[in-house]
Amino acid sequence: MGIGLGSILLGWVSQHTGYQVLFTVSAGSVVVSMFIFTVFVRGLLRYQVPAEK
């Protein structure tokens, strides 16, 4: 779903604004995705139980 909607949205952005804005929006989405991923993974690792030896 993300690939389909992303290509449509980015196609619309490039058509109406140009490639510079297209690449800026793409880079921004990567930064936001990395931030969200880091927050969730850090939260999950905090509550992980260590393995017994």
C-alpha atoms as a PDB file:
ATOM      1  CA  MET A   1       0.000   0.000   0.000  1.00  0.00           C
ATOM      2  CA  GLY A   2       2.876   2.354   0.806  1.00  0.00           C
ATOM      3  CA  ILE A   3       4.574   1.771  -2.525  1.00  0.00           C
ATOM      4  CA  GLY A   4       1.364   2.367  -4.465  1.00  0.00           C
ATOM      5  CA  LEU A   5       0.256   5.457  -2.562  1.00  0.00           C
ATOM      6  CA  GLY A   6       3.797   6.804  -2.326  1.00  0.00           C
ATOM      7  CA  SER A   7       4.361   6.630  -6.063  1.00  0.00           C
ATOM      8  CA  ILE A   8       1.061   8.376  -6.760  1.00  0.00           C
ATOM      9  CA  LEU A   9       1.724  11.077  -4.173  1.00  0.00           C
ATOM     10  CA  LEU A  10       5.322  11.667  -5.263  1.00  0.00           C
ATOM     11  CA  GLY A  11       4.257  11.697  -8.917  1.00  0.00           C
ATOM     12  CA  TRP A  12       1.753  14.409  -8.104  1.00  0.00           C
ATOM     13  CA  VAL A  13       4.391  16.363  -6.139  1.00  0.00           C
ATOM     14  CA  SER A  14       6.909  16.190  -8.999  1.00  0.00           C
ATOM     15  CA  GLN A  15       4.314  17.154 -11.577  1.00  0.00           C
ATOM     16  CA  HIS A  16       3.161  20.250  -9.694  1.00  0.00           C
ATOM     17  CA  THR A  17       6.388  21.443  -8.061  1.00  0.00           C
ATOM     18  CA  GLY A  18       9.464  19.860  -9.668  1.00  0.00           C
ATOM     19  CA  TYR A  19      12.202  17.410  -8.863  1.00  0.00           C
ATOM     20  CA  GLN A  20      13.898  19.459  -6.158  1.00  0.00           C
ATOM     21  CA  VAL A  21      10.760  19.375  -4.001  1.00  0.00           C
ATOM     22  CA  LEU A  22      10.248  15.700  -4.890  1.00  0.00           C
ATOM     23  CA  PHE A  23      13.663  14.739  -3.519  1.00  0.00           C
ATOM     24  CA  THR A  24      13.200  16.980  -0.471  1.00  0.00           C
ATOM     25  CA  VAL A  25       9.870  15.323   0.351  1.00  0.00           C
ATOM     26  CA  SER A  26      11.435  11.886  -0.176  1.00  0.00           C
ATOM     27  CA  ALA A  27      14.346  12.683   2.126  1.00  0.00           C
ATOM     28  CA  GLY A  28      11.959  14.107   4.719  1.00  0.00           C
ATOM     29  CA  SER A  29       9.870  10.945   4.681  1.00  0.00           C
ATOM     30  CA  VAL A  30      13.001   8.844   5.245  1.00  0.00           C
ATOM     31  CA  VAL A  31      14.047  11.004   8.210  1.00  0.00           C
ATOM     32  CA  VAL A  32      10.575  10.825   9.760  1.00  0.00           C
ATOM     33  CA  SER A  33      10.456   7.045   9.219  1.00  0.00           C
ATOM     34  CA  MET A  34      13.878   6.576  10.840  1.00  0.00           C
ATOM     35  CA  PHE A  35      12.801   8.669  13.831  1.00  0.00           C
ATOM     36  CA  ILE A  36       9.577   6.690  14.318  1.00  0.00           C
ATOM     37  CA  PHE A  37      11.428   3.382  13.928  1.00  0.00           C
ATOM     38  CA  THR A  38      14.086   4.429  16.438  1.00  0.00           C
ATOM     39  CA  VAL A  39      11.486   5.471  19.006  1.00  0.00           C
ATOM     40  CA  PHE A  40       9.580   2.191  18.723  1.00  0.00           C
ATOM     41  CA  VAL A  41      12.651  -0.065  18.686  1.00  0.00           C
ATOM     42  CA  ARG A  42      14.223   1.741  21.629  1.00  0.00           C
ATOM     43  CA  GLY A  43      10.941   1.319  23.525  1.00  0.00           C
ATOM     44  CA  LEU A  44      10.770  -2.390  22.709  1.00  0.00           C
ATOM     45  CA  LEU A  45      14.390  -3.042  23.663  1.00  0.00           C
ATOM     46  CA  ARG A  46      13.915  -1.309  26.995  1.00  0.00           C
ATOM     47  CA  TYR A  47      11.312  -3.889  28.064  1.00  0.00           C
ATOM     48  CA  GLN A  48      13.025  -6.950  26.634  1.00  0.00           C
ATOM     49  CA  VAL A  49      13.813  -9.656  29.200  1.00  0.00           C
ATOM     50  CA  PRO A  50      17.433 -10.869  29.110  1.00  0.00           C
ATOM     51  CA  ALA A  51      17.938 -14.526  28.169  1.00  0.00           C
ATOM     52  CA  GLU A  52      18.805 -16.924  31.000  1.00  0.00           C
ATOM     53  CA  LYS A  53      22.113 -18.792  30.803  1.00  0.00           C
END
